[in-house]
Amino acid sequence: MPDAPSPPTQPRNRLHGVTLEAMVRALEAQYGWARLAERIPVRCFTHDPSVNSSLKFLRKTPWAREKVEGLYLFMLREEARLQRPAHCPN
C-alpha cells in the first residue's frame, strides 16, 4: 500500500501548525486575562477565565476563534516589529 501523501507545506501561513491552545496560552502570557478580555470581550475571558473554558467556547464559536487568531497574528507582528533593528526601513 503506498504511503499517504504528506500535507502541503504552508510557509506563508503563520497559523499553520499552531494549536488553538498554544494561541490562547501565548495571548494570556502576553496580555493577561484582564487585558485579553478588553481586546476580545467574550465571557470565557471576562468571567472566571481559564484555558480549558476558553478552548471549549472558542472551538464552538467561529467568530470568536477568528478574533483570537487575529489578535495572535497581531501579537506576532508586534513582536517582530520590536525586534527589528531601528535602521531597517521595513
PDB file of N, CA and C in Angstrom:
ATOM      1  N   MET A   1       0.838  -1.176   0.000  1.00  0.00           N
ATOM      2  CA  MET A   1       0.000   0.000   0.000  1.00  0.00           C
ATOM      3  C   MET A   1       0.887   1.245   0.000  1.00  0.00           C
ATOM      4  N   PRO A   2       0.663   2.188  -0.899  1.00  0.00           N
ATOM      5  CA  PRO A   2       1.522   3.366  -0.970  1.00  0.00           C
ATOM      6  C   PRO A   2       1.309   4.274   0.242  1.00  0.00           C
ATOM      7  N   ASP A   3       2.367   5.003   0.563  1.00  0.00           N
ATOM      8  CA  ASP A   3       2.285   5.959   1.667  1.00  0.00           C
ATOM      9  C   ASP A   3       1.347   7.094   1.288  1.00  0.00           C
ATOM     10  N   ALA A   4       0.662   7.597   2.279  1.00  0.00           N
ATOM     11  CA  ALA A   4      -0.222   8.749   2.050  1.00  0.00           C
ATOM     12  C   ALA A   4       0.640   9.970   1.754  1.00  0.00           C
ATOM     13  N   PRO A   5       0.187  10.810   0.841  1.00  0.00           N
ATOM     14  CA  PRO A   5       0.988  11.995   0.539  1.00  0.00           C
ATOM     15  C   PRO A   5       1.054  12.908   1.763  1.00  0.00           C
ATOM     16  N   SER A   6       2.205  13.531   1.943  1.00  0.00           N
ATOM     17  CA  SER A   6       2.335  14.441   3.086  1.00  0.00           C
ATOM     18  C   SER A   6       1.532  15.709   2.806  1.00  0.00           C
ATOM     19  N   PRO A   7       0.996  16.318   3.851  1.00  0.00           N
ATOM     20  CA  PRO A   7       0.204  17.533   3.639  1.00  0.00           C
ATOM     21  C   PRO A   7       1.080  18.633   3.068  1.00  0.00           C
ATOM     22  N   PRO A   8       0.497  19.498   2.262  1.00  0.00           N
ATOM     23  CA  PRO A   8       1.295  20.569   1.675  1.00  0.00           C
ATOM     24  C   PRO A   8       1.807  21.514   2.754  1.00  0.00           C
ATOM     25  N   THR A   9       3.004  22.017   2.541  1.00  0.00           N
ATOM     26  CA  THR A   9       3.543  22.978   3.487  1.00  0.00           C
ATOM     27  C   THR A   9       2.904  24.338   3.233  1.00  0.00           C
ATOM     28  N   GLN A  10       2.830  25.117   4.274  1.00  0.00           N
ATOM     29  CA  GLN A  10       2.225  26.437   4.174  1.00  0.00           C
ATOM     30  C   GLN A  10       3.186  27.465   4.770  1.00  0.00           C
ATOM     31  N   PRO A  11       4.270  27.755   4.058  1.00  0.00           N
ATOM     32  CA  PRO A  11       5.298  28.628   4.640  1.00  0.00           C
ATOM     33  C   PRO A  11       4.815  30.044   4.942  1.00  0.00           C
ATOM     34  N   ARG A  12       3.798  30.532   4.267  1.00  0.00           N
ATOM     35  CA  ARG A  12       3.327  31.900   4.491  1.00  0.00           C
ATOM     36  C   ARG A  12       2.191  31.971   5.508  1.00  0.00           C
ATOM     37  N   ASN A  13       1.669  30.823   5.919  1.00  0.00           N
ATOM     38  CA  ASN A  13       0.580  30.793   6.882  1.00  0.00           C
ATOM     39  C   ASN A  13       1.173  30.722   8.287  1.00  0.00           C
ATOM     40  N   ARG A  14       1.141  31.832   9.001  1.00  0.00           N
ATOM     41  CA  ARG A  14       1.758  31.892  10.325  1.00  0.00           C
ATOM     42  C   ARG A  14       0.993  31.070  11.353  1.00  0.00           C
ATOM     43  N   LEU A  15      -0.236  30.683  11.046  1.00  0.00           N
ATOM     44  CA  LEU A  15      -1.026  29.870  11.971  1.00  0.00           C
ATOM     45  C   LEU A  15      -0.836  28.379  11.744  1.00  0.00           C
ATOM     46  N   HIS A  16      -0.202  28.009  10.638  1.00  0.00           N
ATOM     47  CA  HIS A  16      -0.034  26.598  10.312  1.00  0.00           C
ATOM     48  C   HIS A  16       0.783  25.902  11.400  1.00  0.00           C
ATOM     49  N   GLY A  17       0.210  24.863  11.967  1.00  0.00           N
ATOM     50  CA  GLY A  17       0.907  24.095  12.993  1.00  0.00           C
ATOM     51  C   GLY A  17       0.761  24.657  14.405  1.00  0.00           C
ATOM     52  N   VAL A  18       0.080  25.785  14.558  1.00  0.00           N
ATOM     53  CA  VAL A  18      -0.120  26.381  15.876  1.00  0.00           C
ATOM     54  C   VAL A  18      -1.501  25.963  16.373  1.00  0.00           C
ATOM     55  N   THR A  19      -1.543  25.338  17.521  1.00  0.00           N
ATOM     56  CA  THR A  19      -2.827  24.899  18.056  1.00  0.00           C
ATOM     57  C   THR A  19      -3.558  26.071  18.697  1.00  0.00           C
ATOM     58  N   LEU A  20      -4.857  25.931  18.808  1.00  0.00           N
ATOM     59  CA  LEU A  20      -5.665  26.944  19.472  1.00  0.00           C
ATOM     60  C   LEU A  20      -5.210  27.099  20.924  1.00  0.00           C
ATOM     61  N   GLU A  21      -4.871  26.000  21.559  1.00  0.00           N
ATOM     62  CA  GLU A  21      -4.385  26.064  22.936  1.00  0.00           C
ATOM     63  C   GLU A  21      -3.105  26.880  23.030  1.00  0.00           C
ATOM     64  N   ALA A  22      -2.183  26.679  22.095  1.00  0.00           N
ATOM     65  CA  ALA A  22      -0.936  27.443  22.108  1.00  0.00           C
ATOM     66  C   ALA A  22      -1.214  28.930  21.921  1.00  0.00           C
ATOM     67  N   MET A  23      -2.187  29.273  21.063  1.00  0.00           N
ATOM     68  CA  MET A  23      -2.542  30.679  20.864  1.00  0.00           C
ATOM     69  C   MET A  23      -3.098  31.289  22.142  1.00  0.00           C
ATOM     70  N   VAL A  24      -4.035  30.579  22.779  1.00  0.00           N
ATOM     71  CA  VAL A  24      -4.656  31.107  23.999  1.00  0.00           C
ATOM     72  C   VAL A  24      -3.600  31.274  25.088  1.00  0.00           C
ATOM     73  N   ARG A  25      -2.737  30.297  25.244  1.00  0.00           N
ATOM     74  CA  ARG A  25      -1.690  30.384  26.271  1.00  0.00           C
ATOM     75  C   ARG A  25      -0.731  31.545  25.983  1.00  0.00           C
ATOM     76  N   ALA A  26      -0.355  31.731  24.729  1.00  0.00           N
ATOM     77  CA  ALA A  26       0.549  32.830  24.373  1.00  0.00           C
ATOM     78  C   ALA A  26      -0.113  34.185  24.608  1.00  0.00           C
ATOM     79  N   LEU A  27      -1.375  34.306  24.231  1.00  0.00           N
ATOM     80  CA  LEU A  27      -2.089  35.562  24.434  1.00  0.00           C
ATOM     81  C   LEU A  27      -2.265  35.861  25.917  1.00  0.00           C
ATOM     82  N   GLU A  28      -2.573  34.846  26.700  1.00  0.00           N
ATOM     83  CA  GLU A  28      -2.724  35.056  28.142  1.00  0.00           C
ATOM     84  C   GLU A  28      -1.393  35.454  28.762  1.00  0.00           C
ATOM     85  N   ALA A  29      -0.311  34.849  28.316  1.00  0.00           N
ATOM     86  CA  ALA A  29       1.009  35.200  28.838  1.00  0.00           C
ATOM     87  C   ALA A  29       1.393  36.634  28.457  1.00  0.00           C
ATOM     88  N   GLN A  30       1.036  37.033  27.254  1.00  0.00           N
ATOM     89  CA  GLN A  30       1.385  38.370  26.757  1.00  0.00           C
ATOM     90  C   GLN A  30       0.530  39.455  27.395  1.00  0.00           C
ATOM     91  N   TYR A  31      -0.781  39.243  27.460  1.00  0.00           N
ATOM     92  CA  TYR A  31      -1.705  40.291  27.882  1.00  0.00           C
ATOM     93  C   TYR A  31      -2.288  40.080  29.268  1.00  0.00           C
ATOM     94  N   GLY A  32      -2.378  38.842  29.725  1.00  0.00           N
ATOM     95  CA  GLY A  32      -3.113  38.542  30.953  1.00  0.00           C
ATOM     96  C   GLY A  32      -4.595  38.481  30.630  1.00  0.00           C
ATOM     97  N   TRP A  33      -5.357  37.823  31.491  1.00  0.00           N
ATOM     98  CA  TRP A  33      -6.785  37.647  31.208  1.00  0.00           C
ATOM     99  C   TRP A  33      -7.519  38.977  31.127  1.00  0.00           C
ATOM    100  N   ALA A  34      -7.196  39.927  32.007  1.00  0.00           N
ATOM    101  CA  ALA A  34      -7.941  41.199  32.033  1.00  0.00           C
ATOM    102  C   ALA A  34      -7.746  41.976  30.732  1.00  0.00           C
ATOM    103  N   ARG A  35      -6.508  42.118  30.282  1.00  0.00           N
ATOM    104  CA  ARG A  35      -6.262  42.855  29.032  1.00  0.00           C
ATOM    105  C   ARG A  35      -6.762  42.077  27.821  1.00  0.00           C
ATOM    106  N   LEU A  36      -6.705  40.751  27.893  1.00  0.00           N
ATOM    107  CA  LEU A  36      -7.242  39.930  26.807  1.00  0.00           C
ATOM    108  C   LEU A  36      -8.751  40.136  26.703  1.00  0.00           C
ATOM    109  N   ALA A  37      -9.421  40.211  27.850  1.00  0.00           N
ATOM    110  CA  ALA A  37     -10.870  40.440  27.865  1.00  0.00           C
ATOM    111  C   ALA A  37     -11.226  41.831  27.341  1.00  0.00           C
ATOM    112  N   GLU A  38     -10.347  42.819  27.530  1.00  0.00           N
ATOM    113  CA  GLU A  38     -10.579  44.156  26.977  1.00  0.00           C
ATOM    114  C   GLU A  38     -10.503  44.119  25.456  1.00  0.00           C
ATOM    115  N   ARG A  39      -9.567  43.354  24.942  1.00  0.00           N
ATOM    116  CA  ARG A  39      -9.368  43.282  23.489  1.00  0.00           C
ATOM    117  C   ARG A  39     -10.408  42.409  22.802  1.00  0.00           C
ATOM    118  N   ILE A  40     -10.791  41.314  23.468  1.00  0.00           N
ATOM    119  CA  ILE A  40     -11.811  40.402  22.934  1.00  0.00           C
ATOM    120  C   ILE A  40     -12.814  40.161  24.066  1.00  0.00           C
ATOM    121  N   PRO A  41     -13.852  40.981  24.145  1.00  0.00           N
ATOM    122  CA  PRO A  41     -14.779  40.889  25.280  1.00  0.00           C
ATOM    123  C   PRO A  41     -15.778  39.731  25.150  1.00  0.00           C
ATOM    124  N   VAL A  42     -15.307  38.546  25.451  1.00  0.00           N
ATOM    125  CA  VAL A  42     -16.176  37.370  25.477  1.00  0.00           C
ATOM    126  C   VAL A  42     -16.138  36.790  26.891  1.00  0.00           C
ATOM    127  N   ARG A  43     -17.220  36.161  27.268  1.00  0.00           N
ATOM    128  CA  ARG A  43     -17.386  35.680  28.644  1.00  0.00           C
ATOM    129  C   ARG A  43     -16.258  34.738  29.092  1.00  0.00           C
ATOM    130  N   CYS A  44     -15.738  33.932  28.203  1.00  0.00           N
ATOM    131  CA  CYS A  44     -14.695  32.982  28.604  1.00  0.00           C
ATOM    132  C   CYS A  44     -13.413  33.700  29.028  1.00  0.00           C
ATOM    133  N   PHE A  45     -13.260  34.978  28.669  1.00  0.00           N
ATOM    134  CA  PHE A  45     -12.111  35.771  29.099  1.00  0.00           C
ATOM    135  C   PHE A  45     -12.467  36.711  30.252  1.00  0.00           C
ATOM    136  N   THR A  46     -13.751  37.049  30.399  1.00  0.00           N
ATOM    137  CA  THR A  46     -14.136  38.039  31.399  1.00  0.00           C
ATOM    138  C   THR A  46     -14.610  37.438  32.720  1.00  0.00           C
ATOM    139  N   HIS A  47     -15.174  36.257  32.715  1.00  0.00           N
ATOM    140  CA  HIS A  47     -15.737  35.650  33.919  1.00  0.00           C
ATOM    141  C   HIS A  47     -15.048  34.322  34.221  1.00  0.00           C
ATOM    142  N   ASP A  48     -14.278  34.293  35.292  1.00  0.00           N
ATOM    143  CA  ASP A  48     -13.586  33.086  35.727  1.00  0.00           C
ATOM    144  C   ASP A  48     -12.827  32.425  34.568  1.00  0.00           C
ATOM    145  N   PRO A  49     -11.898  33.157  33.949  1.00  0.00           N
ATOM    146  CA  PRO A  49     -11.219  32.633  32.755  1.00  0.00           C
ATOM    147  C   PRO A  49     -10.258  31.486  33.071  1.00  0.00           C
ATOM    148  N   SER A  50     -10.176  30.577  32.126  1.00  0.00           N
ATOM    149  CA  SER A  50      -9.192  29.501  32.168  1.00  0.00           C
ATOM    150  C   SER A  50      -8.937  29.059  30.731  1.00  0.00           C
ATOM    151  N   VAL A  51      -7.835  28.390  30.543  1.00  0.00           N
ATOM    152  CA  VAL A  51      -7.509  27.902  29.204  1.00  0.00           C
ATOM    153  C   VAL A  51      -8.572  26.904  28.753  1.00  0.00           C
ATOM    154  N   ASN A  52      -8.947  25.979  29.631  1.00  0.00           N
ATOM    155  CA  ASN A  52      -9.911  24.948  29.233  1.00  0.00           C
ATOM    156  C   ASN A  52     -11.275  25.527  28.865  1.00  0.00           C
ATOM    157  N   SER A  53     -11.785  26.467  29.668  1.00  0.00           N
ATOM    158  CA  SER A  53     -13.096  27.041  29.342  1.00  0.00           C
ATOM    159  C   SER A  53     -13.018  27.850  28.049  1.00  0.00           C
ATOM    160  N   SER A  54     -11.897  28.519  27.850  1.00  0.00           N
ATOM    161  CA  SER A  54     -11.721  29.294  26.626  1.00  0.00           C
ATOM    162  C   SER A  54     -11.694  28.394  25.402  1.00  0.00           C
ATOM    163  N   LEU A  55     -10.955  27.285  25.488  1.00  0.00           N
ATOM    164  CA  LEU A  55     -10.874  26.361  24.359  1.00  0.00           C
ATOM    165  C   LEU A  55     -12.245  25.782  24.032  1.00  0.00           C
ATOM    166  N   LYS A  56     -12.990  25.421  25.053  1.00  0.00           N
ATOM    167  CA  LYS A  56     -14.324  24.853  24.845  1.00  0.00           C
ATOM    168  C   LYS A  56     -15.208  25.842  24.086  1.00  0.00           C
ATOM    169  N   PHE A  57     -15.192  27.109  24.515  1.00  0.00           N
ATOM    170  CA  PHE A  57     -16.001  28.135  23.866  1.00  0.00           C
ATOM    171  C   PHE A  57     -15.502  28.428  22.451  1.00  0.00           C
ATOM    172  N   LEU A  58     -14.208  28.617  22.298  1.00  0.00           N
ATOM    173  CA  LEU A  58     -13.649  29.018  21.005  1.00  0.00           C
ATOM    174  C   LEU A  58     -13.814  27.935  19.941  1.00  0.00           C
ATOM    175  N   ARG A  59     -13.782  26.688  20.346  1.00  0.00           N
ATOM    176  CA  ARG A  59     -13.963  25.600  19.371  1.00  0.00           C
ATOM    177  C   ARG A  59     -15.388  25.554  18.836  1.00  0.00           C
ATOM    178  N   LYS A  60     -16.339  26.078  19.600  1.00  0.00           N
ATOM    179  CA  LYS A  60     -17.740  26.077  19.172  1.00  0.00           C
ATOM    180  C   LYS A  60     -18.173  27.401  18.550  1.00  0.00           C
ATOM    181  N   THR A  61     -17.306  28.419  18.601  1.00  0.00           N
ATOM    182  CA  THR A  61     -17.716  29.759  18.200  1.00  0.00           C
ATOM    183  C   THR A  61     -16.725  30.318  17.178  1.00  0.00           C
ATOM    184  N   PRO A  62     -16.992  30.108  15.887  1.00  0.00           N
ATOM    185  CA  PRO A  62     -16.034  30.502  14.846  1.00  0.00           C
ATOM    186  C   PRO A  62     -15.670  31.985  14.860  1.00  0.00           C
ATOM    187  N   TRP A  63     -16.632  32.880  15.087  1.00  0.00           N
ATOM    188  CA  TRP A  63     -16.314  34.311  15.049  1.00  0.00           C
ATOM    189  C   TRP A  63     -15.348  34.689  16.175  1.00  0.00           C
ATOM    190  N   ALA A  64     -15.494  34.061  17.341  1.00  0.00           N
ATOM    191  CA  ALA A  64     -14.588  34.358  18.456  1.00  0.00           C
ATOM    192  C   ALA A  64     -13.198  33.778  18.185  1.00  0.00           C
ATOM    193  N   ARG A  65     -13.175  32.593  17.591  1.00  0.00           N
ATOM    194  CA  ARG A  65     -11.882  31.986  17.255  1.00  0.00           C
ATOM    195  C   ARG A  65     -11.134  32.862  16.239  1.00  0.00           C
ATOM    196  N   GLU A  66     -11.855  33.419  15.276  1.00  0.00           N
ATOM    197  CA  GLU A  66     -11.227  34.313  14.300  1.00  0.00           C
ATOM    198  C   GLU A  66     -10.616  35.528  14.975  1.00  0.00           C
ATOM    199  N   LYS A  67     -11.293  36.054  15.993  1.00  0.00           N
ATOM    200  CA  LYS A  67     -10.756  37.203  16.730  1.00  0.00           C
ATOM    201  C   LYS A  67      -9.488  36.819  17.484  1.00  0.00           C
ATOM    202  N   VAL A  68      -9.485  35.634  18.082  1.00  0.00           N
ATOM    203  CA  VAL A  68      -8.299  35.154  18.795  1.00  0.00           C
ATOM    204  C   VAL A  68      -7.145  34.966  17.805  1.00  0.00           C
ATOM    205  N   GLU A  69      -7.426  34.362  16.657  1.00  0.00           N
ATOM    206  CA  GLU A  69      -6.378  34.165  15.649  1.00  0.00           C
ATOM    207  C   GLU A  69      -5.840  35.504  15.163  1.00  0.00           C
ATOM    208  N   GLY A  70      -6.731  36.467  14.954  1.00  0.00           N
ATOM    209  CA  GLY A  70      -6.300  37.795  14.510  1.00  0.00           C
ATOM    210  C   GLY A  70      -5.430  38.484  15.545  1.00  0.00           C
ATOM    211  N   LEU A  71      -5.808  38.407  16.815  1.00  0.00           N
ATOM    212  CA  LEU A  71      -5.008  39.023  17.871  1.00  0.00           C
ATOM    213  C   LEU A  71      -3.667  38.316  18.010  1.00  0.00           C
ATOM    214  N   TYR A  72      -3.652  37.011  17.848  1.00  0.00           N
ATOM    215  CA  TYR A  72      -2.407  36.252  17.906  1.00  0.00           C
ATOM    216  C   TYR A  72      -1.459  36.694  16.785  1.00  0.00           C
ATOM    217  N   LEU A  73      -1.984  36.845  15.573  1.00  0.00           N
ATOM    218  CA  LEU A  73      -1.157  37.303  14.456  1.00  0.00           C
ATOM    219  C   LEU A  73      -0.661  38.726  14.700  1.00  0.00           C
ATOM    220  N   PHE A  74      -1.515  39.584  15.258  1.00  0.00           N
ATOM    221  CA  PHE A  74      -1.107  40.945  15.597  1.00  0.00           C
ATOM    222  C   PHE A  74       0.035  40.913  16.607  1.00  0.00           C
ATOM    223  N   MET A  75      -0.088  40.051  17.617  1.00  0.00           N
ATOM    224  CA  MET A  75       0.956  39.927  18.629  1.00  0.00           C
ATOM    225  C   MET A  75       2.282  39.499  17.992  1.00  0.00           C
ATOM    226  N   LEU A  76       2.236  38.542  17.071  1.00  0.00           N
ATOM    227  CA  LEU A  76       3.462  38.102  16.392  1.00  0.00           C
ATOM    228  C   LEU A  76       4.078  39.226  15.580  1.00  0.00           C
ATOM    229  N   ARG A  77       3.227  40.002  14.871  1.00  0.00           N
ATOM    230  CA  ARG A  77       3.743  41.128  14.082  1.00  0.00           C
ATOM    231  C   ARG A  77       4.389  42.183  14.976  1.00  0.00           C
ATOM    232  N   GLU A  78       3.757  42.467  16.109  1.00  0.00           N
ATOM    233  CA  GLU A  78       4.313  43.455  17.038  1.00  0.00           C
ATOM    234  C   GLU A  78       5.642  42.981  17.614  1.00  0.00           C
ATOM    235  N   GLU A  79       5.731  41.707  17.960  1.00  0.00           N
ATOM    236  CA  GLU A  79       6.989  41.167  18.470  1.00  0.00           C
ATOM    237  C   GLU A  79       8.085  41.275  17.420  1.00  0.00           C
ATOM    238  N   ALA A  80       7.759  40.964  16.168  1.00  0.00           N
ATOM    239  CA  ALA A  80       8.741  41.047  15.087  1.00  0.00           C
ATOM    240  C   ALA A  80       9.153  42.496  14.852  1.00  0.00           C
ATOM    241  N   ARG A  81       8.190  43.407  14.921  1.00  0.00           N
ATOM    242  CA  ARG A  81       8.481  44.825  14.711  1.00  0.00           C
ATOM    243  C   ARG A  81       9.411  45.354  15.795  1.00  0.00           C
ATOM    244  N   LEU A  82       9.190  44.954  17.024  1.00  0.00           N
ATOM    245  CA  LEU A  82      10.016  45.426  18.133  1.00  0.00           C
ATOM    246  C   LEU A  82      11.418  44.831  18.102  1.00  0.00           C
ATOM    247  N   GLN A  83      11.570  43.674  17.469  1.00  0.00           N
ATOM    248  CA  GLN A  83      12.882  43.037  17.380  1.00  0.00           C
ATOM    249  C   GLN A  83      13.696  43.524  16.184  1.00  0.00           C
ATOM    250  N   ARG A  84      13.041  44.215  15.259  1.00  0.00           N
ATOM    251  CA  ARG A  84      13.698  44.695  14.057  1.00  0.00           C
ATOM    252  C   ARG A  84      14.646  45.843  14.428  1.00  0.00           C
ATOM    253  N   PRO A  85      15.862  45.880  13.869  1.00  0.00           N
ATOM    254  CA  PRO A  85      16.787  46.988  14.147  1.00  0.00           C
ATOM    255  C   PRO A  85      16.177  48.321  13.701  1.00  0.00           C
ATOM    256  N   ALA A  86      16.508  49.367  14.400  1.00  0.00           N
ATOM    257  CA  ALA A  86      15.929  50.697  14.139  1.00  0.00           C
ATOM    258  C   ALA A  86      16.294  51.218  12.752  1.00  0.00           C
ATOM    259  N   HIS A  87      17.441  50.854  12.212  1.00  0.00           N
ATOM    260  CA  HIS A  87      17.863  51.369  10.912  1.00  0.00           C
ATOM    261  C   HIS A  87      17.198  50.645   9.723  1.00  0.00           C
ATOM    262  N   CYS A  88      16.482  49.581   9.998  1.00  0.00           N
ATOM    263  CA  CYS A  88      15.834  48.793   8.953  1.00  0.00           C
ATOM    264  C   CYS A  88      14.557  49.522   8.483  1.00  0.00           C
ATOM    265  N   PRO A  89      14.411  49.828   7.191  1.00  0.00           N
ATOM    266  CA  PRO A  89      13.251  50.608   6.719  1.00  0.00           C
ATOM    267  C   PRO A  89      11.924  49.869   6.811  1.00  0.00           C
ATOM    268  N   ASN A  90      11.888  48.560   6.803  1.00  0.00           N
ATOM    269  CA  ASN A  90      10.616  47.806   6.843  1.00  0.00           C
ATOM    270  C   ASN A  90      10.493  47.222   8.185  1.00  0.00           C
TER     271      ASN A  90
END
